[in-house]
Amino acid sequence: MNQPGLNQLNLSTTGSALGPVGQLGATATDDAAKSQTSFDPLLALAASVLDQEAAAILQVKERLDQSFCKAMDLLLGCSGKVVVTGMGKSGHIGSKIAATFASTGTPAFFVHPAELRHGDFGMLEERDLVIALSSSGETQEIKLVLEPIKRMGLKLVALTGNTQSTLAKYADAVIDVSVEREACPLNLAPTTSTTVSLAMGDALAIVLMTKKQVRAEDFARSHPGGALGKSLLTVQDIMRSGMDVPIVTLDADHETVVSEITKKRLGFTSVCEQGRLKGIITDGDLRRALSKYKHTVFEKSAGEIMTPGPRTIASSSLAVEALKVMEKYSISDLLIVDQDDHPIGLIDLKDLLHAGII
């Protein structure tokens, strides 16, 4: 069959029909986009591709039904790993879906269906769950692993465009990701179909993440590197603790206070009563006390010159939250306390700088 190529398409400068193959319509969503694309046929074609793929995602959204809920029940009941498989472009999408599951709190990996038949079934356990991607549901490499998957007793979720396919018949849950046509003008290259499959994979991963109540702290454990990892560091990851924390008692004399501040070289000390934080004494507090009490300052206890109720933060808080507190209250040090108000650590601007937060 002789199909016209891209150079044969009627790229109208009006932003309307773009030729017979694919019947791609460049209908922009707002006046600004219409104005811009109408002057450039390439932008009009790009806009029509994005419109078509966006529309396909919305169509799949309208088809969401109990099949999705069944797949989610299987995922929630999975005590092992999520194993994603797919061939060709579906395999590339499957690899991304597996990575999304893994980064959002669910152990997952991708395995090529051909590799499964040559030893990689040894990576799977009975408590695992398999997600198989195939637009047609009749991909030969996928069909050849269906019997072994079921013999192992594994649950199978299918993302397919053919709910009557061989893959669908073997699956415990079938999610319909069919599309009317590909964005490819020849309706051949997987484009719209892979976009829809990727979006559905994201939906599964994010709904599962939400149901499992994955917190930012949990997310940080799987993202230790790069800018994302730094933004997810917790206070506990970078705080100083133990003997590094300056502490004096409420009845400590002036000499003890000065000694602790000098020894720890932080410019302050915490003040505690029976281990509980009551206040803080900074270099500034010492100067203000000297101005107020004159020579009698040396007779004052820590409790008499401290500033009560200092700013604190929990060790489980994100380091970026500690920075926000410091910036808001113009302080350079922050004490970390436990649930009983016992000082267990401290963090200062230098710690945040070394960690790359600043």
Protein backbone atom coordinates (compact mmCIF):
# COMPACT_ATOMS: atom_id res chain seq x y z
CA MET A 1 0.00 0.00 0.00
CA ASN A 2 1.45 3.35 -1.03
CA GLN A 3 1.11 5.70 1.93
CA PRO A 4 2.11 9.39 1.57
CA GLY A 5 5.09 10.49 3.64
CA LEU A 6 5.45 13.54 5.84
CA ASN A 7 6.64 15.67 2.92
CA GLN A 8 3.42 14.79 1.10
CA LEU A 9 1.12 16.00 3.85
CA ASN A 10 -0.84 19.15 3.15
CA LEU A 11 0.58 21.31 5.92
CA SER A 12 -1.96 24.09 5.76
CA THR A 13 -0.98 27.43 7.21
CA THR A 14 -4.50 27.85 8.51
CA GLY A 15 -3.99 25.27 11.23
CA SER A 16 -6.84 23.08 10.00
CA ALA A 17 -6.58 19.64 8.33
CA LEU A 18 -3.01 18.48 7.87
CA GLY A 19 -3.50 15.94 5.12
CA PRO A 20 -5.14 12.62 4.43
CA VAL A 21 -2.89 10.31 6.43
CA GLY A 22 -3.91 10.17 10.08
CA GLN A 23 -6.45 12.99 9.61
CA LEU A 24 -4.55 15.00 12.19
CA GLY A 25 -6.41 18.13 13.23
CA ALA A 26 -4.46 21.05 14.72
CA THR A 27 -7.09 22.46 17.03
CA ALA A 28 -5.25 24.52 19.64
CA THR A 29 -6.78 24.87 23.10
CA ASP A 30 -6.49 28.62 23.33
CA ASP A 31 -6.29 31.66 21.08
CA ALA A 32 -2.60 32.22 21.75
CA ALA A 33 -1.70 28.71 20.65
CA LYS A 34 -3.89 29.03 17.57
CA SER A 35 -2.22 32.27 16.63
CA GLN A 36 1.28 30.85 17.03
CA THR A 37 0.72 27.53 15.26
CA SER A 38 -1.17 29.05 12.35
CA PHE A 39 2.02 30.75 11.16
CA ASP A 40 4.15 27.61 11.27
CA PRO A 41 2.92 24.31 9.80
CA LEU A 42 5.49 22.35 11.83
CA LEU A 43 4.16 23.79 15.07
CA ALA A 44 0.64 23.02 13.90
CA LEU A 45 1.60 19.40 13.29
CA ALA A 46 3.32 19.17 16.68
CA ALA A 47 0.25 20.65 18.35
CA SER A 48 -2.02 18.13 16.66
CA VAL A 49 0.13 15.23 17.91
CA LEU A 50 -0.06 16.56 21.47
CA ASP A 51 -3.81 17.12 21.12
CA GLN A 52 -4.35 13.58 19.89
CA GLU A 53 -2.31 11.98 22.67
CA ALA A 54 -3.93 14.17 25.33
CA ALA A 55 -7.37 13.26 24.00
CA ALA A 56 -6.49 9.56 24.10
CA ILE A 57 -5.52 9.82 27.77
CA LEU A 58 -8.84 11.50 28.54
CA GLN A 59 -10.70 8.75 26.68
CA VAL A 60 -8.96 6.10 28.77
CA LYS A 61 -9.85 8.07 31.89
CA GLU A 62 -13.53 7.86 30.90
CA ARG A 63 -13.18 4.07 30.56
CA LEU A 64 -11.82 3.55 34.07
CA ASP A 65 -13.85 0.86 35.79
CA GLN A 66 -13.67 -1.93 38.35
CA SER A 67 -10.84 -3.56 36.38
CA PHE A 68 -8.55 -0.82 37.67
CA CYS A 69 -9.82 -1.40 41.22
CA LYS A 70 -9.19 -5.14 40.86
CA ALA A 71 -5.65 -4.48 39.69
CA MET A 72 -5.15 -2.17 42.67
CA ASP A 73 -6.43 -4.83 45.08
CA LEU A 74 -3.89 -7.26 43.63
CA LEU A 75 -1.09 -4.73 43.98
CA LEU A 76 -2.05 -3.92 47.56
CA GLY A 77 -2.12 -7.63 48.36
CA CYS A 78 1.27 -8.28 46.79
CA SER A 79 3.84 -9.11 49.48
CA GLY A 80 6.67 -9.54 47.00
CA LYS A 81 7.92 -7.53 44.03
CA VAL A 82 6.14 -6.02 41.06
CA VAL A 83 7.71 -7.45 37.90
CA VAL A 84 6.98 -5.55 34.69
CA THR A 85 7.48 -7.06 31.25
CA GLY A 86 6.87 -5.99 27.67
CA MET A 87 8.37 -6.24 24.21
CA GLY A 88 9.67 -3.46 21.95
CA LYS A 89 8.26 -0.01 22.68
CA SER A 90 5.99 -1.55 25.31
CA GLY A 91 9.13 -2.84 26.98
CA HIS A 92 10.61 0.66 27.15
CA ILE A 93 7.39 1.94 28.69
CA GLY A 94 7.37 -1.04 31.07
CA SER A 95 10.89 -0.20 32.22
CA LYS A 96 9.76 3.33 33.11
CA ILE A 97 6.67 2.02 34.91
CA ALA A 98 8.83 -0.35 36.98
CA ALA A 99 11.13 2.55 37.87
CA THR A 100 8.13 4.62 38.97
CA PHE A 101 6.87 1.83 41.23
CA ALA A 102 10.33 1.40 42.75
CA SER A 103 10.76 5.12 43.41
CA THR A 104 7.34 5.45 45.04
CA GLY A 105 7.74 2.77 47.68
CA THR A 106 6.99 -0.51 45.87
CA PRO A 107 9.88 -2.91 45.09
CA ALA A 108 9.78 -3.42 41.32
CA PHE A 109 11.94 -4.21 38.32
CA PHE A 110 11.61 -4.76 34.58
CA VAL A 111 12.50 -8.00 32.85
CA HIS A 112 12.53 -8.70 29.11
CA PRO A 113 10.07 -11.48 28.19
CA ALA A 114 12.70 -13.32 26.12
CA GLU A 115 15.09 -13.25 29.09
CA LEU A 116 12.36 -14.74 31.27
CA ARG A 117 12.36 -17.84 29.08
CA HIS A 118 16.14 -18.16 29.35
CA GLY A 119 16.70 -18.23 33.09
CA ASP A 120 15.24 -15.02 34.50
CA PHE A 121 12.16 -16.78 35.85
CA GLY A 122 14.58 -17.61 38.66
CA MET A 123 14.28 -13.95 39.72
CA LEU A 124 10.56 -14.37 40.41
CA GLU A 125 8.84 -15.74 43.50
CA GLU A 126 5.31 -16.96 44.09
CA ARG A 127 4.45 -13.86 46.09
CA ASP A 128 5.40 -11.52 43.20
CA LEU A 129 2.98 -9.87 40.78
CA VAL A 130 3.54 -9.45 37.03
CA ILE A 131 2.37 -6.50 34.95
CA ALA A 132 2.51 -7.32 31.24
CA LEU A 133 2.21 -4.68 28.51
CA SER A 134 1.14 -5.50 24.95
CA SER A 135 -0.98 -3.28 22.74
CA SER A 136 -2.25 -6.22 20.68
CA GLY A 137 -2.17 -8.72 23.53
CA GLU A 138 -0.81 -11.22 21.01
CA THR A 139 2.91 -10.41 21.12
CA GLN A 140 4.63 -13.76 20.66
CA GLU A 141 7.29 -13.23 23.31
CA ILE A 142 4.59 -12.30 25.84
CA LYS A 143 2.36 -15.24 24.94
CA LEU A 144 5.24 -17.67 25.52
CA VAL A 145 5.68 -16.59 29.17
CA LEU A 146 1.99 -16.67 30.15
CA GLU A 147 1.82 -20.39 30.94
CA PRO A 148 4.98 -20.34 33.11
CA ILE A 149 3.68 -17.26 34.96
CA LYS A 150 0.44 -19.02 35.84
CA ARG A 151 2.21 -22.27 36.74
CA MET A 152 4.23 -20.35 39.31
CA GLY A 153 0.99 -19.06 40.82
CA LEU A 154 1.85 -15.42 40.07
CA LYS A 155 -0.89 -12.82 39.79
CA LEU A 156 -0.97 -11.14 36.37
CA VAL A 157 -2.18 -7.64 35.48
CA ALA A 158 -2.47 -6.86 31.77
CA LEU A 159 -2.23 -3.43 30.18
CA THR A 160 -3.49 -4.07 26.66
CA GLY A 161 -5.44 -2.52 23.84
CA ASN A 162 -7.23 -5.80 23.13
CA THR A 163 -9.37 -7.05 25.98
CA GLN A 164 -10.20 -10.24 24.03
CA SER A 165 -6.56 -11.16 23.46
CA THR A 166 -4.59 -14.14 24.70
CA LEU A 167 -2.87 -11.93 27.27
CA ALA A 168 -6.23 -10.71 28.57
CA LYS A 169 -7.55 -14.27 28.93
CA TYR A 170 -4.60 -15.26 31.15
CA ALA A 171 -4.68 -12.07 33.26
CA ASP A 172 -6.25 -11.73 36.70
CA ALA A 173 -7.01 -8.08 35.93
CA VAL A 174 -7.21 -6.43 32.52
CA ILE A 175 -6.89 -2.68 32.06
CA ASP A 176 -8.05 -1.41 28.69
CA VAL A 177 -5.47 1.00 27.22
CA SER A 178 -6.74 0.87 23.66
CA VAL A 179 -6.54 3.93 21.41
CA GLU A 180 -8.42 4.82 18.22
CA ARG A 181 -5.22 5.39 16.28
CA GLU A 182 -1.56 6.26 16.68
CA ALA A 183 -0.30 9.83 16.33
CA CYS A 184 2.02 8.49 13.66
CA PRO A 185 0.61 9.63 10.28
CA LEU A 186 1.01 6.06 9.01
CA ASN A 187 -0.81 4.74 12.10
CA LEU A 188 2.09 2.34 12.59
CA ALA A 189 4.70 3.64 15.07
CA PRO A 190 3.60 3.16 18.71
CA THR A 191 3.02 6.73 19.87
CA THR A 192 -0.42 7.41 21.31
CA SER A 193 -0.67 3.83 22.58
CA THR A 194 2.62 4.01 24.49
CA THR A 195 1.71 7.41 25.95
CA VAL A 196 -1.56 6.00 27.26
CA SER A 197 0.17 2.92 28.71
CA LEU A 198 2.72 5.11 30.47
CA ALA A 199 -0.01 7.31 31.91
CA MET A 200 -1.91 4.26 33.16
CA GLY A 201 1.27 2.93 34.75
CA ASP A 202 1.68 6.26 36.53
CA ALA A 203 -1.92 6.05 37.72
CA LEU A 204 -1.36 2.58 39.16
CA ALA A 205 1.88 3.59 40.90
CA ILE A 206 0.55 6.84 42.37
CA VAL A 207 -2.74 5.36 43.57
CA LEU A 208 -0.78 2.51 45.18
CA MET A 209 1.63 4.99 46.75
CA THR A 210 -1.30 6.94 48.16
CA LYS A 211 -3.05 3.86 49.51
CA LYS A 212 0.20 2.71 51.17
CA GLN A 213 0.59 6.20 52.70
CA VAL A 214 4.15 6.66 51.50
CA ARG A 215 5.62 9.75 53.18
CA ALA A 216 8.25 12.19 51.95
CA GLU A 217 10.70 10.57 54.38
CA ASP A 218 10.03 7.16 52.80
CA PHE A 219 10.45 8.64 49.34
CA ALA A 220 13.81 10.10 50.35
CA ARG A 221 15.25 6.67 51.10
CA SER A 222 14.94 5.67 47.46
CA HIS A 223 16.26 9.00 46.15
CA PRO A 224 19.56 9.57 47.99
CA GLY A 225 21.38 11.25 45.11
CA GLY A 226 21.13 14.43 43.09
CA ALA A 227 19.08 17.53 43.74
CA LEU A 228 16.00 15.45 44.55
CA GLY A 229 17.89 13.43 47.13
CA LYS A 230 19.20 16.58 48.79
CA SER A 231 15.73 18.09 48.95
CA LEU A 232 14.51 14.94 50.71
CA LEU A 233 17.27 14.67 53.31
CA THR A 234 15.91 14.62 56.83
CA VAL A 235 17.24 16.52 59.81
CA GLN A 236 18.39 13.22 61.30
CA ASP A 237 20.57 12.60 58.25
CA ILE A 238 22.77 15.62 58.89
CA MET A 239 22.30 16.68 62.52
CA ARG A 240 25.00 16.62 65.19
CA SER A 241 24.21 14.62 68.29
CA GLY A 242 25.62 13.23 71.54
CA MET A 243 28.45 15.23 73.08
CA ASP A 244 28.20 17.83 70.29
CA VAL A 245 24.99 19.19 71.82
CA PRO A 246 25.68 21.95 74.41
CA ILE A 247 23.56 21.42 77.53
CA VAL A 248 23.51 22.99 81.00
CA THR A 249 21.03 22.57 83.82
CA LEU A 250 18.53 25.20 84.91
CA ASP A 251 20.54 25.95 88.06
CA ALA A 252 23.97 26.05 86.37
CA ASP A 253 26.09 29.02 87.43
CA HIS A 254 27.47 31.69 85.10
CA GLU A 255 30.90 30.09 84.86
CA THR A 256 29.42 26.73 83.80
CA VAL A 257 27.32 28.41 81.14
CA VAL A 258 30.28 30.30 79.67
CA SER A 259 32.43 27.17 79.82
CA GLU A 260 29.85 25.07 77.91
CA ILE A 261 29.38 27.72 75.22
CA THR A 262 33.13 28.10 74.84
CA LYS A 263 33.82 24.36 74.79
CA LYS A 264 31.20 23.53 72.17
CA ARG A 265 32.13 26.59 70.05
CA LEU A 266 28.61 27.15 68.79
CA GLY A 267 27.76 30.44 70.44
CA PHE A 268 24.93 29.02 72.54
CA THR A 269 23.87 26.33 74.97
CA SER A 270 20.56 24.70 75.72
CA VAL A 271 19.15 24.87 79.24
CA CYS A 272 17.37 21.79 80.59
CA GLU A 273 15.51 20.70 83.69
CA GLN A 274 15.48 16.94 84.28
CA GLY A 275 16.51 16.49 80.66
CA ARG A 276 13.68 18.57 79.22
CA LEU A 277 14.47 21.68 77.20
CA LYS A 278 13.50 24.89 78.99
CA GLY A 279 15.45 27.56 77.18
CA ILE A 280 18.58 28.67 75.41
CA ILE A 281 21.47 30.99 76.25
CA THR A 282 23.35 32.65 73.40
CA ASP A 283 26.34 34.99 73.35
CA GLY A 284 23.78 37.77 72.94
CA ASP A 285 21.93 36.65 76.07
CA LEU A 286 25.19 36.84 78.04
CA ARG A 287 25.86 40.40 76.83
CA ARG A 288 22.31 41.50 77.60
CA ALA A 289 22.53 39.93 81.05
CA LEU A 290 25.79 41.75 81.75
CA SER A 291 24.21 45.05 80.70
CA LYS A 292 21.16 44.38 82.88
CA TYR A 293 22.72 42.90 86.02
CA LYS A 294 26.19 44.53 85.89
CA HIS A 295 28.64 42.86 88.32
CA THR A 296 25.89 40.73 89.86
CA VAL A 297 25.51 38.76 86.62
CA PHE A 298 28.05 36.26 87.94
CA GLU A 299 25.58 35.34 90.66
CA LYS A 300 22.79 34.53 88.24
CA SER A 301 21.84 30.98 87.27
CA ALA A 302 21.20 29.75 83.77
CA GLY A 303 17.44 29.85 84.38
CA GLU A 304 17.61 33.57 85.21
CA ILE A 305 19.37 34.69 82.02
CA MET A 306 18.07 32.19 79.44
CA THR A 307 15.59 32.89 76.66
CA PRO A 308 12.68 30.47 77.21
CA GLY A 309 10.91 28.49 74.49
CA PRO A 310 13.57 28.33 71.76
CA ARG A 311 12.75 27.22 68.23
CA THR A 312 13.10 23.46 67.74
CA ILE A 313 12.44 20.84 65.09
CA ALA A 314 11.89 17.07 64.98
CA SER A 315 14.57 14.76 63.64
CA SER A 316 12.12 13.31 61.12
CA SER A 317 11.53 16.71 59.49
CA LEU A 318 13.08 17.47 56.13
CA ALA A 319 16.33 19.42 56.20
CA VAL A 320 14.80 22.01 53.87
CA GLU A 321 12.14 22.62 56.53
CA ALA A 322 14.89 23.33 59.05
CA LEU A 323 16.33 25.90 56.64
CA LYS A 324 12.92 27.56 56.30
CA VAL A 325 12.63 27.88 60.09
CA MET A 326 16.11 29.41 60.32
CA GLU A 327 15.33 31.91 57.57
CA LYS A 328 11.93 32.82 59.02
CA TYR A 329 13.27 33.56 62.51
CA SER A 330 16.76 34.79 61.46
CA ILE A 331 18.61 32.17 63.49
CA SER A 332 21.67 30.15 62.56
CA ASP A 333 21.22 27.18 64.90
CA LEU A 334 18.28 24.89 65.59
CA LEU A 335 17.87 22.32 68.34
CA ILE A 336 16.35 18.91 67.60
CA VAL A 337 14.14 17.47 70.32
CA ASP A 338 12.33 14.17 70.78
CA GLN A 339 8.65 13.78 71.68
CA ASP A 340 9.46 14.45 75.34
CA ASP A 341 11.33 17.70 74.60
CA HIS A 342 14.73 16.15 75.28
CA PRO A 343 17.45 17.76 73.13
CA ILE A 344 18.89 15.00 70.93
CA GLY A 345 20.79 17.02 68.37
CA LEU A 346 21.39 20.31 66.65
CA ILE A 347 21.76 21.65 63.17
CA ASP A 348 23.27 24.90 61.94
CA LEU A 349 23.74 26.69 58.64
CA LYS A 350 27.17 25.12 58.11
CA ASP A 351 25.62 21.64 58.35
CA LEU A 352 23.04 22.60 55.72
CA LEU A 353 25.77 24.08 53.53
CA HIS A 354 27.90 20.93 53.70
CA ALA A 355 24.85 18.81 52.85
CA GLY A 356 24.17 20.92 49.76
CA ILE A 357 20.83 22.20 51.03
CA ILE A 358 21.99 25.79 50.71
